[in-house]
């Protein structure tokens, strides 16, 4: 039976998912957390943390199928 892991921003997450849809949902959650964190840092210190909502790039992620041996 295949299971799935998430390669998020170049590093594997610890969680293992039963379906690709669960992994995708988690990846989108992490992307939203990244965006929210960038907004918060910008609000707390805009001089050090530049943030443009229209040009913000979400981190790269890939869903990787693993064998459950």
Protein backbone atom coordinates (compact mmCIF):
# COMPACT_ATOMS: atom_id res chain seq x y z
CA UNK A 1 0.00 0.00 0.00
CA UNK A 2 1.36 3.40 -0.95
CA UNK A 3 1.68 6.23 1.50
CA UNK A 4 2.78 9.79 0.96
CA UNK A 5 5.27 12.22 2.45
CA UNK A 6 5.62 15.92 1.88
CA UNK A 7 8.82 17.53 0.66
CA UNK A 8 8.28 21.12 1.76
CA UNK A 9 10.77 23.84 0.93
CA UNK A 10 13.53 21.28 0.38
CA UNK A 11 12.98 19.24 3.57
CA UNK A 12 10.82 16.23 4.30
CA UNK A 13 8.09 16.68 6.87
CA UNK A 14 7.74 13.99 9.56
CA UNK A 15 4.09 13.24 8.85
CA UNK A 16 3.08 10.30 6.65
CA UNK A 17 -0.27 10.49 4.85
CA UNK A 18 -2.60 7.75 3.68
CA UNK A 19 -3.80 9.69 0.65
CA UNK A 20 -2.33 12.23 -1.72
CA UNK A 21 -5.25 14.54 -0.95
CA UNK A 22 -4.36 14.61 2.76
CA UNK A 23 -0.77 15.50 1.90
CA UNK A 24 -1.94 18.25 -0.47
CA UNK A 25 -4.23 19.70 2.20
CA UNK A 26 -1.37 19.77 4.71
CA UNK A 27 0.95 21.40 2.15
CA UNK A 28 -1.59 24.15 1.50
CA UNK A 29 -1.94 24.65 5.26
CA UNK A 30 1.84 25.09 5.58
CA UNK A 31 1.84 27.56 2.69
CA UNK A 32 -0.84 29.64 4.43
CA UNK A 33 1.17 29.56 7.67
CA UNK A 34 4.24 30.78 5.78
CA UNK A 35 2.29 33.67 4.27
CA UNK A 36 0.74 34.60 7.61
CA UNK A 37 4.17 34.53 9.27
CA UNK A 38 5.58 36.84 6.61
CA UNK A 39 2.70 39.27 7.14
CA UNK A 40 3.19 39.27 10.92
CA UNK A 41 6.94 39.84 10.65
CA UNK A 42 6.34 42.71 8.24
CA UNK A 43 3.79 44.32 10.59
CA UNK A 44 6.15 44.03 13.56
CA UNK A 45 9.19 45.41 11.74
CA UNK A 46 8.55 46.54 8.15
CA UNK A 47 12.09 47.85 7.73
CA UNK A 48 13.62 44.41 8.14
CA UNK A 49 10.86 42.24 6.67
CA UNK A 50 9.63 43.38 3.30
CA UNK A 51 6.31 41.86 2.29
CA UNK A 52 4.21 42.43 -0.81
CA UNK A 53 0.95 40.49 -0.87
CA UNK A 54 0.76 40.50 -4.66
CA UNK A 55 4.33 39.26 -5.21
CA UNK A 56 4.69 36.81 -2.31
CA UNK A 57 5.88 33.41 -3.52
CA UNK A 58 4.71 30.35 -1.63
CA UNK A 59 7.40 27.80 -0.77
CA UNK A 60 7.88 24.89 -3.15
CA UNK A 61 6.47 21.54 -2.17
CA UNK A 62 6.21 18.10 -3.64
CA UNK A 63 4.15 15.11 -2.61
CA UNK A 64 6.27 11.97 -2.69
CA UNK A 65 4.86 8.45 -2.81
CA UNK A 66 6.61 6.01 -0.49
CA UNK A 67 6.30 2.25 -0.19
CA UNK A 68 4.90 1.00 3.08
CA UNK A 69 7.07 -2.09 3.52
